[in-house]
């Protein structure tokens, strides 16, 4: 997988969480909806989603909780700023430019 795809998937996860209205999403829910947001991410494994969430947590973009072997993520302000393109985070794609 290219770095571009990885960075875009991380941004897409942040975008998905931004639409959650402050609620937590499990890695399974994120996996389910990721392909709907971007077809290129339709076949991403659950383990890869969990790795992405741990990485996003390490960058202070989300908070994760692990319960019963499931990873739950909630967007925090820095993650929202990255999702909206207000800040640039190395390793996370930026939103597309609007016309």
PDB file of N, CA and C in Angstrom:
ATOM      1  N   UNK A   1       0.843  -1.181   0.000  1.00  0.00           N
ATOM      2  CA  UNK A   1       0.000   0.000   0.000  1.00  0.00           C
ATOM      3  C   UNK A   1       0.886   1.240   0.000  1.00  0.00           C
ATOM      4  N   UNK A   2       0.460   2.214  -0.750  1.00  0.00           N
ATOM      5  CA  UNK A   2       1.239   3.439  -0.834  1.00  0.00           C
ATOM      6  C   UNK A   2       0.968   4.332   0.371  1.00  0.00           C
ATOM      7  N   UNK A   3       1.917   5.203   0.635  1.00  0.00           N
ATOM      8  CA  UNK A   3       1.735   6.166   1.724  1.00  0.00           C
ATOM      9  C   UNK A   3       0.524   7.054   1.465  1.00  0.00           C
ATOM     10  N   UNK A   4       0.274   7.359   0.201  1.00  0.00           N
ATOM     11  CA  UNK A   4      -0.861   8.215  -0.141  1.00  0.00           C
ATOM     12  C   UNK A   4      -2.169   7.551   0.275  1.00  0.00           C
ATOM     13  N   UNK A   5      -2.293   6.258   0.011  1.00  0.00           N
ATOM     14  CA  UNK A   5      -3.510   5.529   0.398  1.00  0.00           C
ATOM     15  C   UNK A   5      -3.650   5.474   1.912  1.00  0.00           C
ATOM     16  N   UNK A   6      -2.543   5.229   2.602  1.00  0.00           N
ATOM     17  CA  UNK A   6      -2.553   5.174   4.065  1.00  0.00           C
ATOM     18  C   UNK A   6      -2.973   6.524   4.643  1.00  0.00           C
ATOM     19  N   UNK A   7      -2.364   7.587   4.152  1.00  0.00           N
ATOM     20  CA  UNK A   7      -2.701   8.928   4.635  1.00  0.00           C
ATOM     21  C   UNK A   7      -4.160   9.266   4.347  1.00  0.00           C
ATOM     22  N   UNK A   8      -4.645   8.873   3.170  1.00  0.00           N
ATOM     23  CA  UNK A   8      -6.035   9.147   2.834  1.00  0.00           C
ATOM     24  C   UNK A   8      -6.978   8.342   3.713  1.00  0.00           C
ATOM     25  N   UNK A   9      -6.636   7.097   4.005  1.00  0.00           N
ATOM     26  CA  UNK A   9      -7.490   6.285   4.871  1.00  0.00           C
ATOM     27  C   UNK A   9      -7.560   6.887   6.268  1.00  0.00           C
ATOM     28  N   UNK A  10      -6.446   7.352   6.790  1.00  0.00           N
ATOM     29  CA  UNK A  10      -6.451   7.988   8.116  1.00  0.00           C
ATOM     30  C   UNK A  10      -7.334   9.228   8.110  1.00  0.00           C
ATOM     31  N   UNK A  11      -7.222  10.048   7.051  1.00  0.00           N
ATOM     32  CA  UNK A  11      -8.068  11.242   6.972  1.00  0.00           C
ATOM     33  C   UNK A  11      -9.537  10.846   6.859  1.00  0.00           C
ATOM     34  N   UNK A  12      -9.829   9.805   6.090  1.00  0.00           N
ATOM     35  CA  UNK A  12     -11.210   9.354   5.922  1.00  0.00           C
ATOM     36  C   UNK A  12     -11.789   8.876   7.249  1.00  0.00           C
ATOM     37  N   UNK A  13     -10.972   8.215   8.060  1.00  0.00           N
ATOM     38  CA  UNK A  13     -11.420   7.800   9.398  1.00  0.00           C
ATOM     39  C   UNK A  13     -11.751   9.032  10.239  1.00  0.00           C
ATOM     40  N   UNK A  14     -10.891  10.041  10.204  1.00  0.00           N
ATOM     41  CA  UNK A  14     -11.164  11.271  10.957  1.00  0.00           C
ATOM     42  C   UNK A  14     -12.455  11.924  10.468  1.00  0.00           C
ATOM     43  N   UNK A  15     -12.646  11.943   9.170  1.00  0.00           N
ATOM     44  CA  UNK A  15     -13.863  12.524   8.588  1.00  0.00           C
ATOM     45  C   UNK A  15     -15.105  11.768   9.054  1.00  0.00           C
ATOM     46  N   UNK A  16     -15.008  10.450   9.078  1.00  0.00           N
ATOM     47  CA  UNK A  16     -16.123   9.626   9.551  1.00  0.00           C
ATOM     48  C   UNK A  16     -16.440   9.944  11.007  1.00  0.00           C
ATOM     49  N   UNK A  17     -15.405  10.029  11.837  1.00  0.00           N
ATOM     50  CA  UNK A  17     -15.605  10.344  13.253  1.00  0.00           C
ATOM     51  C   UNK A  17     -16.136  11.767  13.436  1.00  0.00           C
ATOM     52  N   UNK A  18     -15.736  12.680  12.553  1.00  0.00           N
ATOM     53  CA  UNK A  18     -16.228  14.061  12.639  1.00  0.00           C
ATOM     54  C   UNK A  18     -17.740  14.108  12.447  1.00  0.00           C
ATOM     55  N   UNK A  19     -18.261  13.190  11.669  1.00  0.00           N
ATOM     56  CA  UNK A  19     -19.696  13.133  11.443  1.00  0.00           C
ATOM     57  C   UNK A  19     -20.459  12.393  12.524  1.00  0.00           C
ATOM     58  N   UNK A  20     -19.742  11.892  13.522  1.00  0.00           N
ATOM     59  CA  UNK A  20     -20.376  11.099  14.584  1.00  0.00           C
ATOM     60  C   UNK A  20     -20.958  11.959  15.691  1.00  0.00           C
ATOM     61  N   UNK A  21     -20.769  13.265  15.619  1.00  0.00           N
ATOM     62  CA  UNK A  21     -21.355  14.156  16.614  1.00  0.00           C
ATOM     63  C   UNK A  21     -20.855  13.930  18.027  1.00  0.00           C
ATOM     64  N   UNK A  22     -19.582  13.580  18.162  1.00  0.00           N
ATOM     65  CA  UNK A  22     -19.005  13.388  19.489  1.00  0.00           C
ATOM     66  C   UNK A  22     -19.163  11.990  20.049  1.00  0.00           C
ATOM     67  N   UNK A  23     -19.768  11.099  19.290  1.00  0.00           N
ATOM     68  CA  UNK A  23     -19.957   9.723  19.759  1.00  0.00           C
ATOM     69  C   UNK A  23     -18.754   8.857  19.400  1.00  0.00           C
ATOM     70  N   UNK A  24     -18.588   7.774  20.141  1.00  0.00           N
ATOM     71  CA  UNK A  24     -17.545   6.794  19.840  1.00  0.00           C
ATOM     72  C   UNK A  24     -18.021   5.875  18.722  1.00  0.00           C
ATOM     73  N   UNK A  25     -17.079   5.436  17.904  1.00  0.00           N
ATOM     74  CA  UNK A  25     -17.343   4.389  16.918  1.00  0.00           C
ATOM     75  C   UNK A  25     -16.375   3.250  17.186  1.00  0.00           C
ATOM     76  N   UNK A  26     -16.846   2.035  17.040  1.00  0.00           N
ATOM     77  CA  UNK A  26     -15.954   0.884  17.157  1.00  0.00           C
ATOM     78  C   UNK A  26     -15.187   0.717  15.849  1.00  0.00           C
ATOM     79  N   UNK A  27     -14.084  -0.011  15.923  1.00  0.00           N
ATOM     80  CA  UNK A  27     -13.309  -0.296  14.717  1.00  0.00           C
ATOM     81  C   UNK A  27     -14.171  -1.022  13.691  1.00  0.00           C
ATOM     82  N   UNK A  28     -15.061  -1.886  14.154  1.00  0.00           N
ATOM     83  CA  UNK A  28     -15.946  -2.621  13.231  1.00  0.00           C
ATOM     84  C   UNK A  28     -16.899  -1.676  12.493  1.00  0.00           C
ATOM     85  N   UNK A  29     -17.441  -0.710  13.197  1.00  0.00           N
ATOM     86  CA  UNK A  29     -18.336   0.269  12.558  1.00  0.00           C
ATOM     87  C   UNK A  29     -17.553   1.115  11.556  1.00  0.00           C
ATOM     88  N   UNK A  30     -16.354   1.515  11.940  1.00  0.00           N
ATOM     89  CA  UNK A  30     -15.512   2.297  11.030  1.00  0.00           C
ATOM     90  C   UNK A  30     -15.210   1.485   9.778  1.00  0.00           C
ATOM     91  N   UNK A  31     -14.854   0.219   9.955  1.00  0.00           N
ATOM     92  CA  UNK A  31     -14.572  -0.651   8.809  1.00  0.00           C
ATOM     93  C   UNK A  31     -15.790  -0.740   7.890  1.00  0.00           C
ATOM     94  N   UNK A  32     -16.946  -0.890   8.476  1.00  0.00           N
ATOM     95  CA  UNK A  32     -18.188  -1.025   7.706  1.00  0.00           C
ATOM     96  C   UNK A  32     -18.466   0.212   6.850  1.00  0.00           C
ATOM     97  N   UNK A  33     -18.228   1.389   7.400  1.00  0.00           N
ATOM     98  CA  UNK A  33     -18.575   2.635   6.712  1.00  0.00           C
ATOM     99  C   UNK A  33     -17.444   3.216   5.872  1.00  0.00           C
ATOM    100  N   UNK A  34     -16.228   2.740   6.069  1.00  0.00           N
ATOM    101  CA  UNK A  34     -15.076   3.294   5.364  1.00  0.00           C
ATOM    102  C   UNK A  34     -15.209   3.151   3.851  1.00  0.00           C
ATOM    103  N   UNK A  35     -15.614   1.979   3.404  1.00  0.00           N
ATOM    104  CA  UNK A  35     -15.766   1.753   1.972  1.00  0.00           C
ATOM    105  C   UNK A  35     -16.854   2.600   1.346  1.00  0.00           C
ATOM    106  N   UNK A  36     -17.874   2.936   2.126  1.00  0.00           N
ATOM    107  CA  UNK A  36     -18.951   3.787   1.616  1.00  0.00           C
ATOM    108  C   UNK A  36     -18.455   5.209   1.368  1.00  0.00           C
ATOM    109  N   UNK A  37     -17.500   5.648   2.180  1.00  0.00           N
ATOM    110  CA  UNK A  37     -16.949   6.992   2.005  1.00  0.00           C
ATOM    111  C   UNK A  37     -15.915   7.043   0.889  1.00  0.00           C
ATOM    112  N   UNK A  38     -15.187   5.937   0.703  1.00  0.00           N
ATOM    113  CA  UNK A  38     -14.139   5.902  -0.316  1.00  0.00           C
ATOM    114  C   UNK A  38     -13.958   4.460  -0.761  1.00  0.00           C
ATOM    115  N   UNK A  39     -14.319   4.160  -1.996  1.00  0.00           N
ATOM    116  CA  UNK A  39     -14.246   2.780  -2.504  1.00  0.00           C
ATOM    117  C   UNK A  39     -12.852   2.178  -2.395  1.00  0.00           C
ATOM    118  N   UNK A  40     -11.826   2.995  -2.441  1.00  0.00           N
ATOM    119  CA  UNK A  40     -10.458   2.484  -2.349  1.00  0.00           C
ATOM    120  C   UNK A  40     -10.200   1.808  -1.010  1.00  0.00           C
ATOM    121  N   UNK A  41     -11.025   2.105  -0.013  1.00  0.00           N
ATOM    122  CA  UNK A  41     -10.827   1.546   1.324  1.00  0.00           C
ATOM    123  C   UNK A  41     -11.850   0.454   1.652  1.00  0.00           C
ATOM    124  N   UNK A  42     -12.529  -0.070   0.656  1.00  0.00           N
ATOM    125  CA  UNK A  42     -13.619  -1.021   0.888  1.00  0.00           C
ATOM    126  C   UNK A  42     -13.158  -2.356   1.464  1.00  0.00           C
ATOM    127  N   UNK A  43     -11.920  -2.754   1.215  1.00  0.00           N
ATOM    128  CA  UNK A  43     -11.462  -4.072   1.664  1.00  0.00           C
ATOM    129  C   UNK A  43     -10.340  -3.985   2.700  1.00  0.00           C
ATOM    130  N   UNK A  44     -10.398  -3.006   3.553  1.00  0.00           N
ATOM    131  CA  UNK A  44      -9.393  -2.847   4.600  1.00  0.00           C
ATOM    132  C   UNK A  44      -9.745  -3.779   5.755  1.00  0.00           C
ATOM    133  N   UNK A  45      -8.747  -4.495   6.254  1.00  0.00           N
ATOM    134  CA  UNK A  45      -8.987  -5.454   7.336  1.00  0.00           C
ATOM    135  C   UNK A  45      -9.293  -4.745   8.651  1.00  0.00           C
ATOM    136  N   UNK A  46      -9.972  -5.450   9.513  1.00  0.00           N
ATOM    137  CA  UNK A  46     -10.274  -4.925  10.843  1.00  0.00           C
ATOM    138  C   UNK A  46      -8.984  -4.652  11.610  1.00  0.00           C
ATOM    139  N   UNK A  47      -8.001  -5.525  11.465  1.00  0.00           N
ATOM    140  CA  UNK A  47      -6.712  -5.314  12.145  1.00  0.00           C
ATOM    141  C   UNK A  47      -6.049  -4.024  11.667  1.00  0.00           C
ATOM    142  N   UNK A  48      -6.133  -3.733  10.367  1.00  0.00           N
ATOM    143  CA  UNK A  48      -5.541  -2.495   9.856  1.00  0.00           C
ATOM    144  C   UNK A  48      -6.266  -1.275  10.411  1.00  0.00           C
ATOM    145  N   UNK A  49      -7.577  -1.343  10.515  1.00  0.00           N
ATOM    146  CA  UNK A  49      -8.343  -0.238  11.108  1.00  0.00           C
ATOM    147  C   UNK A  49      -7.890  -0.025  12.549  1.00  0.00           C
ATOM    148  N   UNK A  50      -7.715  -1.101  13.282  1.00  0.00           N
ATOM    149  CA  UNK A  50      -7.253  -0.989  14.675  1.00  0.00           C
ATOM    150  C   UNK A  50      -5.871  -0.358  14.741  1.00  0.00           C
ATOM    151  N   UNK A  51      -4.979  -0.737  13.833  1.00  0.00           N
ATOM    152  CA  UNK A  51      -3.641  -0.122  13.788  1.00  0.00           C
ATOM    153  C   UNK A  51      -3.752   1.370  13.487  1.00  0.00           C
ATOM    154  N   UNK A  52      -4.608   1.705  12.526  1.00  0.00           N
ATOM    155  CA  UNK A  52      -4.804   3.121  12.190  1.00  0.00           C
ATOM    156  C   UNK A  52      -5.315   3.902  13.399  1.00  0.00           C
ATOM    157  N   UNK A  53      -6.257   3.332  14.124  1.00  0.00           N
ATOM    158  CA  UNK A  53      -6.805   4.017  15.304  1.00  0.00           C
ATOM    159  C   UNK A  53      -5.744   4.195  16.381  1.00  0.00           C
ATOM    160  N   UNK A  54      -4.905   3.189  16.579  1.00  0.00           N
ATOM    161  CA  UNK A  54      -3.820   3.335  17.564  1.00  0.00           C
ATOM    162  C   UNK A  54      -2.844   4.427  17.124  1.00  0.00           C
ATOM    163  N   UNK A  55      -2.552   4.489  15.823  1.00  0.00           N
ATOM    164  CA  UNK A  55      -1.654   5.523  15.312  1.00  0.00           C
ATOM    165  C   UNK A  55      -2.287   6.901  15.487  1.00  0.00           C
ATOM    166  N   UNK A  56      -3.559   7.040  15.136  1.00  0.00           N
ATOM    167  CA  UNK A  56      -4.253   8.323  15.304  1.00  0.00           C
ATOM    168  C   UNK A  56      -4.274   8.745  16.767  1.00  0.00           C
ATOM    169  N   UNK A  57      -4.420   7.781  17.668  1.00  0.00           N
ATOM    170  CA  UNK A  57      -4.365   8.061  19.106  1.00  0.00           C
ATOM    171  C   UNK A  57      -2.973   8.562  19.496  1.00  0.00           C
ATOM    172  N   UNK A  58      -1.935   7.944  18.953  1.00  0.00           N
ATOM    173  CA  UNK A  58      -0.563   8.354  19.287  1.00  0.00           C
ATOM    174  C   UNK A  58      -0.256   9.768  18.799  1.00  0.00           C
ATOM    175  N   UNK A  59      -0.995  10.226  17.789  1.00  0.00           N
ATOM    176  CA  UNK A  59      -0.816  11.582  17.257  1.00  0.00           C
ATOM    177  C   UNK A  59      -1.758  12.590  17.915  1.00  0.00           C
ATOM    178  N   UNK A  60      -2.486  12.140  18.932  1.00  0.00           N
ATOM    179  CA  UNK A  60      -3.429  12.976  19.679  1.00  0.00           C
ATOM    180  C   UNK A  60      -4.551  13.525  18.791  1.00  0.00           C
ATOM    181  N   UNK A  61      -5.033  12.668  17.883  1.00  0.00           N
ATOM    182  CA  UNK A  61      -6.131  13.039  16.999  1.00  0.00           C
ATOM    183  C   UNK A  61      -7.441  12.396  17.427  1.00  0.00           C
ATOM    184  N   UNK A  62      -7.354  11.260  18.086  1.00  0.00           N
ATOM    185  CA  UNK A  62      -8.519  10.558  18.631  1.00  0.00           C
ATOM    186  C   UNK A  62      -8.153  10.032  20.012  1.00  0.00           C
ATOM    187  N   UNK A  63      -9.173   9.707  20.767  1.00  0.00           N
ATOM    188  CA  UNK A  63      -8.985   8.969  22.017  1.00  0.00           C
ATOM    189  C   UNK A  63      -9.541   7.580  21.777  1.00  0.00           C
ATOM    190  N   UNK A  64      -8.782   6.560  22.172  1.00  0.00           N
ATOM    191  CA  UNK A  64      -9.286   5.205  22.008  1.00  0.00           C
ATOM    192  C   UNK A  64      -9.469   4.544  23.364  1.00  0.00           C
ATOM    193  N   UNK A  65     -10.420   3.630  23.385  1.00  0.00           N
ATOM    194  CA  UNK A  65     -10.689   2.791  24.546  1.00  0.00           C
ATOM    195  C   UNK A  65     -10.756   1.368  24.015  1.00  0.00           C
ATOM    196  N   UNK A  66     -10.116   0.452  24.727  1.00  0.00           N
ATOM    197  CA  UNK A  66     -10.169  -0.956  24.345  1.00  0.00           C
ATOM    198  C   UNK A  66     -11.000  -1.681  25.386  1.00  0.00           C
ATOM    199  N   UNK A  67     -12.063  -2.328  24.922  1.00  0.00           N
ATOM    200  CA  UNK A  67     -12.964  -3.055  25.813  1.00  0.00           C
ATOM    201  C   UNK A  67     -13.374  -4.358  25.135  1.00  0.00           C
ATOM    202  N   UNK A  68     -13.217  -5.446  25.850  1.00  0.00           N
ATOM    203  CA  UNK A  68     -13.588  -6.758  25.305  1.00  0.00           C
ATOM    204  C   UNK A  68     -12.966  -6.997  23.935  1.00  0.00           C
ATOM    205  N   UNK A  69     -11.696  -6.674  23.806  1.00  0.00           N
ATOM    206  CA  UNK A  69     -10.914  -6.874  22.581  1.00  0.00           C
ATOM    207  C   UNK A  69     -11.391  -6.028  21.399  1.00  0.00           C
ATOM    208  N   UNK A  70     -12.247  -5.068  21.644  1.00  0.00           N
ATOM    209  CA  UNK A  70     -12.688  -4.151  20.592  1.00  0.00           C
ATOM    210  C   UNK A  70     -12.098  -2.770  20.866  1.00  0.00           C
ATOM    211  N   UNK A  71     -11.754  -2.074  19.803  1.00  0.00           N
ATOM    212  CA  UNK A  71     -11.203  -0.726  19.903  1.00  0.00           C
ATOM    213  C   UNK A  71     -12.311   0.265  19.553  1.00  0.00           C
ATOM    214  N   UNK A  72     -12.509   1.236  20.438  1.00  0.00           N
ATOM    215  CA  UNK A  72     -13.479   2.309  20.226  1.00  0.00           C
ATOM    216  C   UNK A  72     -12.710   3.620  20.109  1.00  0.00           C
ATOM    217  N   UNK A  73     -13.142   4.479  19.201  1.00  0.00           N
ATOM    218  CA  UNK A  73     -12.452   5.750  18.992  1.00  0.00           C
ATOM    219  C   UNK A  73     -13.436   6.903  19.029  1.00  0.00           C
ATOM    220  N   UNK A  74     -12.946   8.010  19.576  1.00  0.00           N
ATOM    221  CA  UNK A  74     -13.721   9.251  19.626  1.00  0.00           C
ATOM    222  C   UNK A  74     -12.801  10.378  19.168  1.00  0.00           C
ATOM    223  N   UNK A  75     -13.305  11.209  18.298  1.00  0.00           N
ATOM    224  CA  UNK A  75     -12.536  12.331  17.778  1.00  0.00           C
ATOM    225  C   UNK A  75     -12.333  13.377  18.868  1.00  0.00           C
ATOM    226  N   UNK A  76     -11.134  13.936  18.930  1.00  0.00           N
ATOM    227  CA  UNK A  76     -10.876  15.065  19.823  1.00  0.00           C
ATOM    228  C   UNK A  76     -10.580  16.298  18.957  1.00  0.00           C
ATOM    229  N   UNK A  77     -10.450  17.447  19.580  1.00  0.00           N
ATOM    230  CA  UNK A  77     -10.364  18.710  18.839  1.00  0.00           C
ATOM    231  C   UNK A  77      -9.251  18.714  17.793  1.00  0.00           C
ATOM    232  N   UNK A  78      -8.078  18.234  18.152  1.00  0.00           N
ATOM    233  CA  UNK A  78      -6.962  18.215  17.188  1.00  0.00           C
ATOM    234  C   UNK A  78      -7.316  17.356  15.968  1.00  0.00           C
ATOM    235  N   UNK A  79      -8.023  16.248  16.193  1.00  0.00           N
ATOM    236  CA  UNK A  79      -8.456  15.398  15.087  1.00  0.00           C
ATOM    237  C   UNK A  79      -9.482  16.086  14.207  1.00  0.00           C
ATOM    238  N   UNK A  80     -10.386  16.825  14.832  1.00  0.00           N
ATOM    239  CA  UNK A  80     -11.369  17.589  14.063  1.00  0.00           C
ATOM    240  C   UNK A  80     -10.667  18.645  13.221  1.00  0.00           C
ATOM    241  N   UNK A  81      -9.684  19.321  13.811  1.00  0.00           N
ATOM    242  CA  UNK A  81      -8.926  20.322  13.062  1.00  0.00           C
ATOM    243  C   UNK A  81      -8.232  19.697  11.854  1.00  0.00           C
ATOM    244  N   UNK A  82      -7.678  18.492  12.018  1.00  0.00           N
ATOM    245  CA  UNK A  82      -7.023  17.798  10.902  1.00  0.00           C
ATOM    246  C   UNK A  82      -8.048  17.370   9.855  1.00  0.00           C
ATOM    247  N   UNK A  83      -9.189  16.871  10.299  1.00  0.00           N
ATOM    248  CA  UNK A  83     -10.237  16.439   9.368  1.00  0.00           C
ATOM    249  C   UNK A  83     -10.749  17.605   8.527  1.00  0.00           C
ATOM    250  N   UNK A  84     -10.822  18.782   9.131  1.00  0.00           N
ATOM    251  CA  UNK A  84     -11.336  19.969   8.442  1.00  0.00           C
ATOM    252  C   UNK A  84     -10.261  20.687   7.621  1.00  0.00           C
ATOM    253  N   UNK A  85      -9.001  20.283   7.786  1.00  0.00           N
ATOM    254  CA  UNK A  85      -7.919  20.933   7.061  1.00  0.00           C
ATOM    255  C   UNK A  85      -7.398  22.182   7.731  1.00  0.00           C
ATOM    256  N   UNK A  86      -7.758  22.390   8.997  1.00  0.00           N
ATOM    257  CA  UNK A  86      -7.290  23.570   9.733  1.00  0.00           C
ATOM    258  C   UNK A  86      -5.851  23.431  10.194  1.00  0.00           C
ATOM    259  N   UNK A  87      -5.386  22.188  10.349  1.00  0.00           N
ATOM    260  CA  UNK A  87      -3.988  21.921  10.677  1.00  0.00           C
ATOM    261  C   UNK A  87      -3.503  20.798   9.774  1.00  0.00           C
ATOM    262  N   UNK A  88      -2.203  20.763   9.535  1.00  0.00           N
ATOM    263  CA  UNK A  88      -1.587  19.679   8.767  1.00  0.00           C
ATOM    264  C   UNK A  88      -0.886  18.755   9.748  1.00  0.00           C
ATOM    265  N   UNK A  89      -1.185  17.471   9.649  1.00  0.00           N
ATOM    266  CA  UNK A  89      -0.545  16.456  10.478  1.00  0.00           C
ATOM    267  C   UNK A  89       0.185  15.505   9.544  1.00  0.00           C
ATOM    268  N   UNK A  90       1.483  15.378   9.720  1.00  0.00           N
ATOM    269  CA  UNK A  90       2.272  14.450   8.912  1.00  0.00           C
ATOM    270  C   UNK A  90       1.699  13.050   9.049  1.00  0.00           C
ATOM    271  N   UNK A  91       1.416  12.402   7.918  1.00  0.00           N
ATOM    272  CA  UNK A  91       0.860  11.058   7.930  1.00  0.00           C
ATOM    273  C   UNK A  91      -0.646  11.010   7.760  1.00  0.00           C
ATOM    274  N   UNK A  92      -1.273  12.192   7.640  1.00  0.00           N
ATOM    275  CA  UNK A  92      -2.724  12.278   7.424  1.00  0.00           C
ATOM    276  C   UNK A  92      -2.962  13.164   6.206  1.00  0.00           C
ATOM    277  N   UNK A  93      -3.764  12.664   5.275  1.00  0.00           N
ATOM    278  CA  UNK A  93      -4.106  13.432   4.079  1.00  0.00           C
ATOM    279  C   UNK A  93      -4.887  14.684   4.471  1.00  0.00           C
ATOM    280  N   UNK A  94      -4.956  15.613   3.547  1.00  0.00           N
ATOM    281  CA  UNK A  94      -5.740  16.827   3.752  1.00  0.00           C
ATOM    282  C   UNK A  94      -7.039  16.722   2.962  1.00  0.00           C
ATOM    283  N   UNK A  95      -8.073  17.455   3.373  1.00  0.00           N
ATOM    284  CA  UNK A  95      -9.321  17.417   2.607  1.00  0.00           C
ATOM    285  C   UNK A  95      -9.101  17.942   1.192  1.00  0.00           C
ATOM    286  N   UNK A  96      -9.910  17.455   0.257  1.00  0.00           N
ATOM    287  CA  UNK A  96      -9.780  17.973  -1.113  1.00  0.00           C
ATOM    288  C   UNK A  96     -10.131  19.455  -1.166  1.00  0.00           C
ATOM    289  N   UNK A  97      -9.519  20.140  -2.096  1.00  0.00           N
ATOM    290  CA  UNK A  97      -9.812  21.562  -2.279  1.00  0.00           C
ATOM    291  C   UNK A  97     -11.205  21.715  -2.852  1.00  0.00           C
ATOM    292  N   UNK A  98     -11.925  22.696  -2.357  1.00  0.00           N
ATOM    293  CA  UNK A  98     -13.269  22.979  -2.873  1.00  0.00           C
ATOM    294  C   UNK A  98     -13.171  23.996  -3.989  1.00  0.00           C
ATOM    295  N   UNK A  99     -14.114  23.920  -4.901  1.00  0.00           N
ATOM    296  CA  UNK A  99     -14.141  24.874  -6.026  1.00  0.00           C
ATOM    297  C   UNK A  99     -14.499  26.251  -5.549  1.00  0.00           C
TER     298      UNK A  99
END
